[in-house]
């Protein structure tokens, strides 16, 4: 992976035939932006949450209801370690960053882009926090989850895109400017 640093410290990642991996909180727009980015860059799109659901033949919420958040994270790690997706846009589950091994695998496929939305924006977008299938501690608030995950998203990100108050087209344009073909 080639990385060029310019005077303004903007990082542009050259992906060539590699994949682009999207990380961020639930509600940040990973799946929506992922589909649009895949169309724009002539790549296949995959959502790792859907891969989990296909493998388990149940929804994420059903997995949580039948076991717990740690089991969902374990399943997620297994799915991440088994993906072999070159030339894809990969939207990860919000909890993918809890797996160092899974993130190492994803980073080997291409640049990791953190789609950042602040807490107020996420609150506006997420209306089903308790039933969405989010791998979190029982009773954990969206704010606590956001605080816990923020450092992990920044740790693994090669590129950060601020999605607050932006239209999808603006996000795609900014992302394409930072992640070149």
N, C-alpha and C. Protein backbone atom coordinates (compact mmCIF):
# COMPACT_ATOMS: atom_id res chain seq x y z
N UNK A 1 0.85 -1.17 0.00
CA UNK A 1 0.00 0.00 0.00
C UNK A 1 0.90 1.23 0.00
N UNK A 2 0.71 2.11 -0.97
CA UNK A 2 1.50 3.34 -1.08
C UNK A 2 0.80 4.46 -0.34
N UNK A 3 1.58 5.23 0.41
CA UNK A 3 1.01 6.36 1.14
C UNK A 3 1.88 7.58 0.84
N UNK A 4 1.25 8.65 0.38
CA UNK A 4 1.95 9.89 0.10
C UNK A 4 1.49 10.94 1.11
N UNK A 5 2.43 11.66 1.69
CA UNK A 5 2.09 12.71 2.65
C UNK A 5 2.41 14.05 2.01
N UNK A 6 1.47 14.96 2.01
CA UNK A 6 1.63 16.26 1.43
C UNK A 6 1.86 17.30 2.52
N UNK A 7 2.17 18.52 2.14
CA UNK A 7 2.48 19.58 3.11
C UNK A 7 1.38 19.81 4.12
N UNK A 8 0.12 19.68 3.69
CA UNK A 8 -0.96 19.93 4.62
C UNK A 8 -1.27 18.69 5.48
N UNK A 9 -0.42 17.69 5.41
CA UNK A 9 -0.50 16.45 6.18
C UNK A 9 -1.72 15.61 5.83
N UNK A 10 -2.35 15.91 4.68
CA UNK A 10 -3.42 15.04 4.19
C UNK A 10 -2.77 13.76 3.70
N UNK A 11 -3.38 12.65 4.00
CA UNK A 11 -2.85 11.37 3.56
C UNK A 11 -3.73 10.87 2.42
N UNK A 12 -3.08 10.52 1.33
CA UNK A 12 -3.78 9.92 0.21
C UNK A 12 -3.28 8.50 0.08
N UNK A 13 -4.19 7.55 0.09
CA UNK A 13 -3.83 6.14 0.03
C UNK A 13 -4.17 5.64 -1.36
N UNK A 14 -3.21 5.02 -2.01
CA UNK A 14 -3.42 4.46 -3.34
C UNK A 14 -3.83 3.00 -3.17
N UNK A 15 -5.04 2.66 -3.64
CA UNK A 15 -5.54 1.31 -3.40
C UNK A 15 -5.34 0.36 -4.56
N UNK A 16 -5.09 0.86 -5.76
CA UNK A 16 -4.91 -0.03 -6.90
C UNK A 16 -6.06 -1.02 -7.02
N UNK A 17 -5.73 -2.30 -7.03
CA UNK A 17 -6.76 -3.34 -7.14
C UNK A 17 -7.18 -3.84 -5.76
N UNK A 18 -6.75 -3.19 -4.71
CA UNK A 18 -7.08 -3.63 -3.36
C UNK A 18 -8.50 -3.28 -2.96
N UNK A 19 -8.81 -3.55 -1.73
CA UNK A 19 -10.12 -3.27 -1.17
C UNK A 19 -10.08 -1.98 -0.36
N UNK A 20 -11.25 -1.48 -0.03
CA UNK A 20 -11.40 -0.35 0.88
C UNK A 20 -12.27 -0.85 2.01
N UNK A 21 -11.80 -0.67 3.24
CA UNK A 21 -12.50 -1.17 4.41
C UNK A 21 -13.08 0.01 5.18
N UNK A 22 -14.38 -0.03 5.45
CA UNK A 22 -15.06 1.05 6.17
C UNK A 22 -15.34 0.61 7.60
N UNK A 23 -14.91 1.44 8.55
CA UNK A 23 -15.18 1.19 9.96
C UNK A 23 -15.90 2.40 10.54
N UNK A 24 -16.55 2.20 11.68
CA UNK A 24 -17.21 3.30 12.35
C UNK A 24 -18.38 2.79 13.16
N UNK A 25 -18.99 3.69 13.88
CA UNK A 25 -20.11 3.36 14.75
C UNK A 25 -21.33 2.93 13.94
N UNK A 26 -22.21 2.14 14.57
CA UNK A 26 -23.50 1.89 13.93
C UNK A 26 -24.17 3.23 13.64
N UNK A 27 -24.71 3.37 12.45
CA UNK A 27 -25.36 4.62 12.07
C UNK A 27 -24.44 5.61 11.39
N UNK A 28 -23.16 5.29 11.28
CA UNK A 28 -22.21 6.22 10.64
C UNK A 28 -22.37 6.24 9.12
N UNK A 29 -22.98 5.20 8.56
CA UNK A 29 -23.21 5.18 7.11
C UNK A 29 -22.34 4.21 6.35
N UNK A 30 -21.73 3.26 7.03
CA UNK A 30 -20.79 2.33 6.37
C UNK A 30 -21.45 1.57 5.22
N UNK A 31 -22.62 1.03 5.44
CA UNK A 31 -23.29 0.25 4.39
C UNK A 31 -23.76 1.14 3.24
N UNK A 32 -24.37 2.25 3.57
CA UNK A 32 -24.88 3.17 2.54
C UNK A 32 -23.74 3.74 1.71
N UNK A 33 -22.72 4.26 2.37
CA UNK A 33 -21.57 4.83 1.66
C UNK A 33 -20.83 3.71 0.92
N UNK A 34 -20.76 2.54 1.53
CA UNK A 34 -20.08 1.41 0.91
C UNK A 34 -20.65 1.04 -0.44
N UNK A 35 -21.96 0.97 -0.54
CA UNK A 35 -22.61 0.63 -1.81
C UNK A 35 -22.29 1.71 -2.86
N UNK A 36 -22.39 2.97 -2.47
CA UNK A 36 -22.10 4.06 -3.40
C UNK A 36 -20.64 4.07 -3.83
N UNK A 37 -19.74 3.83 -2.88
CA UNK A 37 -18.31 3.79 -3.19
C UNK A 37 -17.99 2.61 -4.12
N UNK A 38 -18.62 1.48 -3.89
CA UNK A 38 -18.41 0.31 -4.75
C UNK A 38 -18.81 0.63 -6.18
N UNK A 39 -19.94 1.29 -6.36
CA UNK A 39 -20.38 1.67 -7.71
C UNK A 39 -19.40 2.64 -8.34
N UNK A 40 -18.95 3.59 -7.56
CA UNK A 40 -18.05 4.64 -8.07
C UNK A 40 -16.67 4.09 -8.46
N UNK A 41 -16.22 3.05 -7.77
CA UNK A 41 -14.86 2.53 -8.00
C UNK A 41 -14.86 1.17 -8.71
N UNK A 42 -16.02 0.73 -9.18
CA UNK A 42 -16.15 -0.55 -9.88
C UNK A 42 -15.60 -1.71 -9.04
N UNK A 43 -16.07 -1.75 -7.80
CA UNK A 43 -15.71 -2.84 -6.89
C UNK A 43 -16.97 -3.55 -6.43
N UNK A 44 -16.80 -4.78 -5.97
CA UNK A 44 -17.89 -5.48 -5.33
C UNK A 44 -18.07 -4.90 -3.93
N UNK A 45 -19.27 -5.07 -3.37
CA UNK A 45 -19.55 -4.59 -2.02
C UNK A 45 -19.92 -5.77 -1.14
N UNK A 46 -19.42 -5.75 0.09
CA UNK A 46 -19.83 -6.75 1.07
C UNK A 46 -19.94 -6.09 2.44
N UNK A 47 -20.95 -6.51 3.18
CA UNK A 47 -21.19 -6.04 4.54
C UNK A 47 -20.92 -7.22 5.46
N UNK A 48 -19.94 -7.11 6.34
CA UNK A 48 -19.57 -8.25 7.18
C UNK A 48 -20.69 -8.63 8.15
N UNK A 49 -21.56 -7.69 8.51
CA UNK A 49 -22.71 -8.05 9.34
C UNK A 49 -23.61 -9.03 8.59
N UNK A 50 -23.77 -8.81 7.29
CA UNK A 50 -24.58 -9.73 6.47
C UNK A 50 -23.89 -11.09 6.38
N UNK A 51 -22.56 -11.10 6.26
CA UNK A 51 -21.83 -12.38 6.24
C UNK A 51 -22.05 -13.16 7.53
N UNK A 52 -22.07 -12.45 8.65
CA UNK A 52 -22.33 -13.10 9.95
C UNK A 52 -23.73 -13.71 9.94
N UNK A 53 -24.70 -12.92 9.50
CA UNK A 53 -26.09 -13.38 9.50
C UNK A 53 -26.28 -14.58 8.56
N UNK A 54 -25.63 -14.57 7.42
CA UNK A 54 -25.73 -15.70 6.49
C UNK A 54 -25.11 -16.96 7.10
N UNK A 55 -23.95 -16.78 7.71
CA UNK A 55 -23.27 -17.93 8.31
C UNK A 55 -24.10 -18.54 9.45
N UNK A 56 -24.65 -17.69 10.30
CA UNK A 56 -25.38 -18.15 11.47
C UNK A 56 -26.86 -18.43 11.19
N UNK A 57 -27.33 -17.96 10.04
CA UNK A 57 -28.74 -18.10 9.66
C UNK A 57 -29.68 -17.47 10.68
N UNK A 58 -29.26 -16.32 11.20
CA UNK A 58 -30.10 -15.54 12.13
C UNK A 58 -29.61 -14.11 12.15
N UNK A 59 -30.44 -13.22 12.64
CA UNK A 59 -30.07 -11.82 12.71
C UNK A 59 -29.04 -11.60 13.83
N UNK A 60 -28.38 -10.46 13.77
CA UNK A 60 -27.44 -10.12 14.84
C UNK A 60 -28.16 -10.03 16.18
N UNK A 61 -29.35 -9.46 16.17
CA UNK A 61 -30.11 -9.34 17.42
C UNK A 61 -30.48 -10.72 17.95
N UNK A 62 -30.84 -11.65 17.06
CA UNK A 62 -31.14 -13.02 17.50
C UNK A 62 -29.91 -13.68 18.14
N UNK A 63 -28.75 -13.45 17.56
CA UNK A 63 -27.51 -14.00 18.14
C UNK A 63 -27.32 -13.45 19.55
N UNK A 64 -27.51 -12.13 19.70
CA UNK A 64 -27.38 -11.51 21.02
C UNK A 64 -28.41 -12.04 22.01
N UNK A 65 -29.64 -12.19 21.54
CA UNK A 65 -30.71 -12.67 22.41
C UNK A 65 -30.47 -14.11 22.87
N UNK A 66 -29.86 -14.92 21.99
CA UNK A 66 -29.64 -16.33 22.31
C UNK A 66 -28.34 -16.58 23.07
N UNK A 67 -27.41 -15.64 23.01
CA UNK A 67 -26.14 -15.82 23.73
C UNK A 67 -25.77 -14.49 24.38
N UNK A 68 -24.72 -13.83 23.90
CA UNK A 68 -24.34 -12.53 24.44
C UNK A 68 -23.43 -11.80 23.46
N UNK A 69 -23.05 -10.58 23.83
CA UNK A 69 -22.24 -9.75 22.94
C UNK A 69 -20.86 -10.35 22.69
N UNK A 70 -20.31 -11.07 23.65
CA UNK A 70 -18.99 -11.68 23.45
C UNK A 70 -19.04 -12.79 22.40
N UNK A 71 -20.12 -13.52 22.37
CA UNK A 71 -20.29 -14.55 21.34
C UNK A 71 -20.41 -13.91 19.96
N UNK A 72 -21.16 -12.82 19.87
CA UNK A 72 -21.27 -12.12 18.59
C UNK A 72 -19.90 -11.61 18.14
N UNK A 73 -19.13 -11.07 19.05
CA UNK A 73 -17.78 -10.59 18.70
C UNK A 73 -16.88 -11.76 18.27
N UNK A 74 -17.02 -12.91 18.91
CA UNK A 74 -16.23 -14.09 18.53
C UNK A 74 -16.59 -14.53 17.11
N UNK A 75 -17.87 -14.58 16.81
CA UNK A 75 -18.33 -14.95 15.47
C UNK A 75 -17.82 -13.93 14.46
N UNK A 76 -17.92 -12.66 14.81
CA UNK A 76 -17.45 -11.59 13.92
C UNK A 76 -15.96 -11.77 13.62
N UNK A 77 -15.16 -12.06 14.63
CA UNK A 77 -13.73 -12.27 14.41
C UNK A 77 -13.49 -13.44 13.46
N UNK A 78 -14.21 -14.53 13.64
CA UNK A 78 -14.05 -15.69 12.75
C UNK A 78 -14.38 -15.32 11.31
N UNK A 79 -15.44 -14.56 11.12
CA UNK A 79 -15.82 -14.12 9.77
C UNK A 79 -14.74 -13.22 9.19
N UNK A 80 -14.25 -12.26 9.98
CA UNK A 80 -13.20 -11.35 9.49
C UNK A 80 -11.94 -12.11 9.10
N UNK A 81 -11.57 -13.09 9.88
CA UNK A 81 -10.34 -13.85 9.60
C UNK A 81 -10.48 -14.73 8.36
N UNK A 82 -11.71 -15.01 7.96
CA UNK A 82 -11.93 -15.88 6.81
C UNK A 82 -12.31 -15.14 5.54
N UNK A 83 -12.42 -13.81 5.59
CA UNK A 83 -12.74 -13.07 4.36
C UNK A 83 -11.50 -13.02 3.48
N UNK A 84 -11.71 -13.24 2.22
CA UNK A 84 -10.63 -13.13 1.24
C UNK A 84 -11.20 -12.32 0.09
N UNK A 85 -11.27 -11.04 0.29
CA UNK A 85 -12.00 -10.18 -0.62
C UNK A 85 -11.09 -9.10 -1.20
N UNK A 86 -10.48 -9.39 -2.31
CA UNK A 86 -9.70 -8.34 -2.98
C UNK A 86 -10.65 -7.57 -3.91
N UNK A 87 -10.35 -6.32 -4.12
CA UNK A 87 -11.11 -5.44 -5.00
C UNK A 87 -12.58 -5.33 -4.57
N UNK A 88 -12.79 -5.12 -3.28
CA UNK A 88 -14.11 -4.95 -2.69
C UNK A 88 -14.16 -3.67 -1.87
N UNK A 89 -15.35 -3.20 -1.63
CA UNK A 89 -15.60 -2.24 -0.56
C UNK A 89 -16.24 -3.08 0.54
N UNK A 90 -15.62 -3.05 1.72
CA UNK A 90 -16.05 -3.89 2.82
C UNK A 90 -16.56 -3.00 3.96
N UNK A 91 -17.85 -3.10 4.24
CA UNK A 91 -18.43 -2.39 5.39
C UNK A 91 -18.41 -3.36 6.56
N UNK A 92 -17.74 -2.98 7.62
CA UNK A 92 -17.63 -3.86 8.79
C UNK A 92 -18.72 -3.53 9.80
N UNK A 93 -18.93 -4.47 10.70
CA UNK A 93 -19.78 -4.19 11.85
C UNK A 93 -19.05 -3.20 12.74
N UNK A 94 -19.79 -2.43 13.51
CA UNK A 94 -19.17 -1.43 14.37
C UNK A 94 -18.21 -1.99 15.39
N UNK A 95 -18.35 -3.28 15.71
CA UNK A 95 -17.50 -3.90 16.73
C UNK A 95 -16.29 -4.62 16.14
N UNK A 96 -16.07 -4.53 14.84
CA UNK A 96 -14.92 -5.20 14.22
C UNK A 96 -13.60 -4.79 14.86
N UNK A 97 -13.52 -3.56 15.34
CA UNK A 97 -12.27 -3.04 15.90
C UNK A 97 -11.88 -3.67 17.22
N UNK A 98 -12.75 -4.47 17.81
CA UNK A 98 -12.38 -5.18 19.03
C UNK A 98 -11.48 -6.38 18.74
N UNK A 99 -11.38 -6.78 17.49
CA UNK A 99 -10.54 -7.91 17.11
C UNK A 99 -9.26 -7.43 16.44
N UNK A 100 -8.16 -7.47 17.18
CA UNK A 100 -6.87 -7.06 16.61
C UNK A 100 -6.50 -7.96 15.43
N UNK A 101 -6.75 -9.26 15.57
CA UNK A 101 -6.44 -10.19 14.47
C UNK A 101 -7.31 -9.90 13.25
N UNK A 102 -8.58 -9.64 13.48
CA UNK A 102 -9.48 -9.33 12.38
C UNK A 102 -9.10 -8.04 11.67
N UNK A 103 -8.73 -7.02 12.43
CA UNK A 103 -8.33 -5.75 11.82
C UNK A 103 -7.00 -5.89 11.07
N UNK A 104 -6.09 -6.71 11.59
CA UNK A 104 -4.84 -6.95 10.87
C UNK A 104 -5.13 -7.57 9.50
N UNK A 105 -6.05 -8.53 9.49
CA UNK A 105 -6.43 -9.17 8.23
C UNK A 105 -7.03 -8.15 7.28
N UNK A 106 -7.97 -7.34 7.78
CA UNK A 106 -8.61 -6.34 6.93
C UNK A 106 -7.61 -5.33 6.39
N UNK A 107 -6.68 -4.87 7.25
CA UNK A 107 -5.67 -3.90 6.81
C UNK A 107 -4.77 -4.49 5.73
N UNK A 108 -4.62 -5.81 5.70
CA UNK A 108 -3.81 -6.45 4.66
C UNK A 108 -4.51 -6.41 3.30
N UNK A 109 -5.83 -6.16 3.32
CA UNK A 109 -6.61 -6.12 2.08
C UNK A 109 -6.65 -4.74 1.44
N UNK A 110 -6.40 -3.70 2.24
CA UNK A 110 -6.46 -2.34 1.72
C UNK A 110 -6.60 -1.34 2.84
N UNK A 111 -6.75 -0.06 2.48
CA UNK A 111 -6.84 0.99 3.50
C UNK A 111 -8.14 0.90 4.30
N UNK A 112 -8.02 1.27 5.56
CA UNK A 112 -9.16 1.31 6.47
C UNK A 112 -9.60 2.76 6.61
N UNK A 113 -10.87 3.01 6.31
CA UNK A 113 -11.44 4.35 6.36
C UNK A 113 -12.43 4.43 7.50
N UNK A 114 -12.18 5.33 8.41
CA UNK A 114 -13.07 5.57 9.56
C UNK A 114 -14.10 6.62 9.16
N UNK A 115 -15.35 6.21 9.06
CA UNK A 115 -16.44 7.15 8.82
C UNK A 115 -16.90 7.65 10.19
N UNK A 116 -16.50 8.86 10.50
CA UNK A 116 -16.77 9.44 11.82
C UNK A 116 -18.05 10.27 11.80
N UNK A 117 -18.93 9.96 12.72
CA UNK A 117 -20.10 10.80 13.00
C UNK A 117 -20.10 11.05 14.50
N UNK A 118 -20.38 12.29 14.89
CA UNK A 118 -20.36 12.57 16.32
C UNK A 118 -21.62 12.00 16.99
N UNK A 119 -21.62 12.04 18.29
CA UNK A 119 -22.67 11.40 19.08
C UNK A 119 -24.06 11.97 18.76
N UNK A 120 -24.17 13.27 18.61
CA UNK A 120 -25.48 13.86 18.30
C UNK A 120 -26.00 13.39 16.95
N UNK A 121 -25.10 13.30 15.98
CA UNK A 121 -25.48 12.80 14.65
C UNK A 121 -25.93 11.35 14.72
N UNK A 122 -25.22 10.53 15.48
CA UNK A 122 -25.59 9.12 15.63
C UNK A 122 -26.95 8.99 16.32
N UNK A 123 -27.20 9.81 17.30
CA UNK A 123 -28.50 9.78 17.98
C UNK A 123 -29.65 10.10 17.02
N UNK A 124 -29.39 11.03 16.09
CA UNK A 124 -30.41 11.38 15.10
C UNK A 124 -30.67 10.21 14.15
N UNK A 125 -29.62 9.44 13.85
CA UNK A 125 -29.72 8.37 12.86
C UNK A 125 -30.20 7.04 13.43
N UNK A 126 -29.88 6.76 14.69
CA UNK A 126 -30.20 5.46 15.27
C UNK A 126 -31.45 5.58 16.14
N UNK A 127 -32.48 4.87 15.73
CA UNK A 127 -33.74 4.91 16.49
C UNK A 127 -34.03 3.57 17.16
N UNK A 128 -33.18 2.58 16.88
CA UNK A 128 -33.43 1.23 17.38
C UNK A 128 -32.19 0.66 18.08
N UNK A 129 -31.53 1.46 18.89
CA UNK A 129 -30.28 1.05 19.53
C UNK A 129 -30.40 -0.27 20.27
N UNK A 130 -31.50 -0.46 20.98
CA UNK A 130 -31.66 -1.67 21.80
C UNK A 130 -32.03 -2.91 21.01
N UNK A 131 -32.46 -2.75 19.77
CA UNK A 131 -32.88 -3.92 18.98
C UNK A 131 -32.12 -4.06 17.66
N UNK A 132 -31.07 -3.28 17.49
CA UNK A 132 -30.34 -3.25 16.22
C UNK A 132 -29.29 -4.36 16.10
N UNK A 133 -29.01 -5.08 17.15
CA UNK A 133 -28.01 -6.12 17.09
C UNK A 133 -26.60 -5.58 17.29
N UNK A 134 -26.47 -4.63 18.19
CA UNK A 134 -25.18 -3.98 18.46
C UNK A 134 -24.47 -4.73 19.57
N UNK A 135 -23.24 -5.16 19.31
CA UNK A 135 -22.46 -5.92 20.29
C UNK A 135 -21.94 -4.96 21.37
N UNK A 136 -22.72 -4.87 22.45
CA UNK A 136 -22.35 -3.98 23.55
C UNK A 136 -22.71 -4.65 24.87
N UNK A 137 -22.14 -4.13 25.93
CA UNK A 137 -22.47 -4.63 27.27
C UNK A 137 -23.94 -4.42 27.55
N UNK A 138 -24.56 -5.32 28.28
CA UNK A 138 -25.96 -5.10 28.65
C UNK A 138 -26.12 -3.77 29.39
N UNK A 139 -27.07 -2.96 28.95
CA UNK A 139 -27.32 -1.68 29.58
C UNK A 139 -26.37 -0.57 29.17
N UNK A 140 -25.41 -0.85 28.31
CA UNK A 140 -24.45 0.18 27.89
C UNK A 140 -25.16 1.20 26.99
N UNK A 141 -24.94 2.46 27.26
CA UNK A 141 -25.58 3.51 26.48
C UNK A 141 -24.81 3.74 25.18
N UNK A 142 -25.46 4.41 24.25
CA UNK A 142 -24.80 4.78 23.00
C UNK A 142 -23.60 5.67 23.29
N UNK A 143 -23.73 6.58 24.23
CA UNK A 143 -22.63 7.46 24.58
C UNK A 143 -21.44 6.67 25.12
N UNK A 144 -21.69 5.73 26.02
CA UNK A 144 -20.60 4.91 26.56
C UNK A 144 -19.94 4.08 25.48
N UNK A 145 -20.74 3.52 24.59
CA UNK A 145 -20.21 2.71 23.49
C UNK A 145 -19.35 3.57 22.57
N UNK A 146 -19.84 4.76 22.25
CA UNK A 146 -19.12 5.70 21.41
C UNK A 146 -17.76 6.04 22.02
N UNK A 147 -17.77 6.37 23.30
CA UNK A 147 -16.53 6.71 24.01
C UNK A 147 -15.54 5.54 23.99
N UNK A 148 -16.06 4.34 24.21
CA UNK A 148 -15.22 3.14 24.24
C UNK A 148 -14.59 2.84 22.88
N UNK A 149 -15.34 3.02 21.82
CA UNK A 149 -14.87 2.63 20.49
C UNK A 149 -14.07 3.70 19.76
N UNK A 150 -14.27 4.95 20.09
CA UNK A 150 -13.64 6.05 19.35
C UNK A 150 -12.12 5.87 19.20
N UNK A 151 -11.44 5.55 20.26
CA UNK A 151 -9.98 5.38 20.21
C UNK A 151 -9.59 4.21 19.31
N UNK A 152 -10.39 3.14 19.32
CA UNK A 152 -10.09 1.99 18.47
C UNK A 152 -10.25 2.33 17.00
N UNK A 153 -11.30 3.07 16.66
CA UNK A 153 -11.48 3.48 15.26
C UNK A 153 -10.30 4.31 14.79
N UNK A 154 -9.87 5.25 15.60
CA UNK A 154 -8.74 6.10 15.23
C UNK A 154 -7.44 5.29 15.14
N UNK A 155 -7.28 4.32 16.02
CA UNK A 155 -6.08 3.48 16.02
C UNK A 155 -5.92 2.72 14.71
N UNK A 156 -7.00 2.19 14.18
CA UNK A 156 -6.92 1.35 12.99
C UNK A 156 -7.08 2.10 11.67
N UNK A 157 -7.56 3.34 11.73
CA UNK A 157 -7.85 4.09 10.50
C UNK A 157 -6.60 4.56 9.79
N UNK A 158 -6.61 4.36 8.47
CA UNK A 158 -5.61 4.97 7.61
C UNK A 158 -6.10 6.34 7.15
N UNK A 159 -7.41 6.48 7.07
CA UNK A 159 -8.05 7.72 6.62
C UNK A 159 -9.28 7.96 7.50
N UNK A 160 -9.50 9.21 7.88
CA UNK A 160 -10.69 9.58 8.65
C UNK A 160 -11.54 10.51 7.79
N UNK A 161 -12.83 10.19 7.68
CA UNK A 161 -13.77 11.03 6.97
C UNK A 161 -14.82 11.51 7.97
N UNK A 162 -14.94 12.83 8.11
CA UNK A 162 -15.95 13.41 8.98
C UNK A 162 -17.27 13.44 8.23
N UNK A 163 -18.26 12.72 8.72
CA UNK A 163 -19.55 12.59 8.04
C UNK A 163 -20.63 13.51 8.61
N UNK A 164 -20.29 14.30 9.60
CA UNK A 164 -21.28 15.13 10.29
C UNK A 164 -21.88 16.17 9.36
N UNK A 165 -23.21 16.12 9.24
CA UNK A 165 -23.94 17.12 8.47
C UNK A 165 -23.66 17.11 6.98
N UNK A 166 -23.05 16.06 6.46
CA UNK A 166 -22.72 16.00 5.04
C UNK A 166 -23.67 15.07 4.30
N UNK A 167 -23.91 15.41 3.05
CA UNK A 167 -24.69 14.54 2.17
C UNK A 167 -23.79 13.40 1.69
N UNK A 168 -24.43 12.33 1.28
CA UNK A 168 -23.69 11.15 0.81
C UNK A 168 -22.71 11.51 -0.30
N UNK A 169 -23.12 12.35 -1.23
CA UNK A 169 -22.25 12.73 -2.35
C UNK A 169 -20.99 13.44 -1.86
N UNK A 170 -21.15 14.29 -0.83
CA UNK A 170 -20.00 15.00 -0.27
C UNK A 170 -19.02 14.02 0.37
N UNK A 171 -19.55 13.03 1.08
CA UNK A 171 -18.70 12.04 1.74
C UNK A 171 -17.94 11.22 0.70
N UNK A 172 -18.63 10.79 -0.35
CA UNK A 172 -17.98 10.01 -1.41
C UNK A 172 -16.89 10.84 -2.09
N UNK A 173 -17.17 12.08 -2.39
CA UNK A 173 -16.17 12.94 -3.04
C UNK A 173 -14.94 13.09 -2.16
N UNK A 174 -15.14 13.35 -0.87
CA UNK A 174 -14.01 13.48 0.05
C UNK A 174 -13.24 12.17 0.18
N UNK A 175 -13.97 11.08 0.27
CA UNK A 175 -13.33 9.78 0.39
C UNK A 175 -12.50 9.46 -0.84
N UNK A 176 -13.05 9.71 -2.01
CA UNK A 176 -12.32 9.45 -3.26
C UNK A 176 -11.08 10.33 -3.38
N UNK A 177 -11.14 11.54 -2.82
CA UNK A 177 -9.98 12.43 -2.87
C UNK A 177 -8.85 11.88 -1.98
N UNK A 178 -9.20 11.16 -0.93
CA UNK A 178 -8.19 10.64 -0.01
C UNK A 178 -7.79 9.20 -0.32
N UNK A 179 -8.66 8.46 -0.97
CA UNK A 179 -8.36 7.08 -1.33
C UNK A 179 -8.44 7.01 -2.85
N UNK A 180 -7.30 7.05 -3.50
CA UNK A 180 -7.31 7.10 -4.95
C UNK A 180 -7.31 5.70 -5.56
N UNK A 181 -7.74 5.64 -6.79
CA UNK A 181 -7.83 4.36 -7.51
C UNK A 181 -6.48 3.99 -8.04
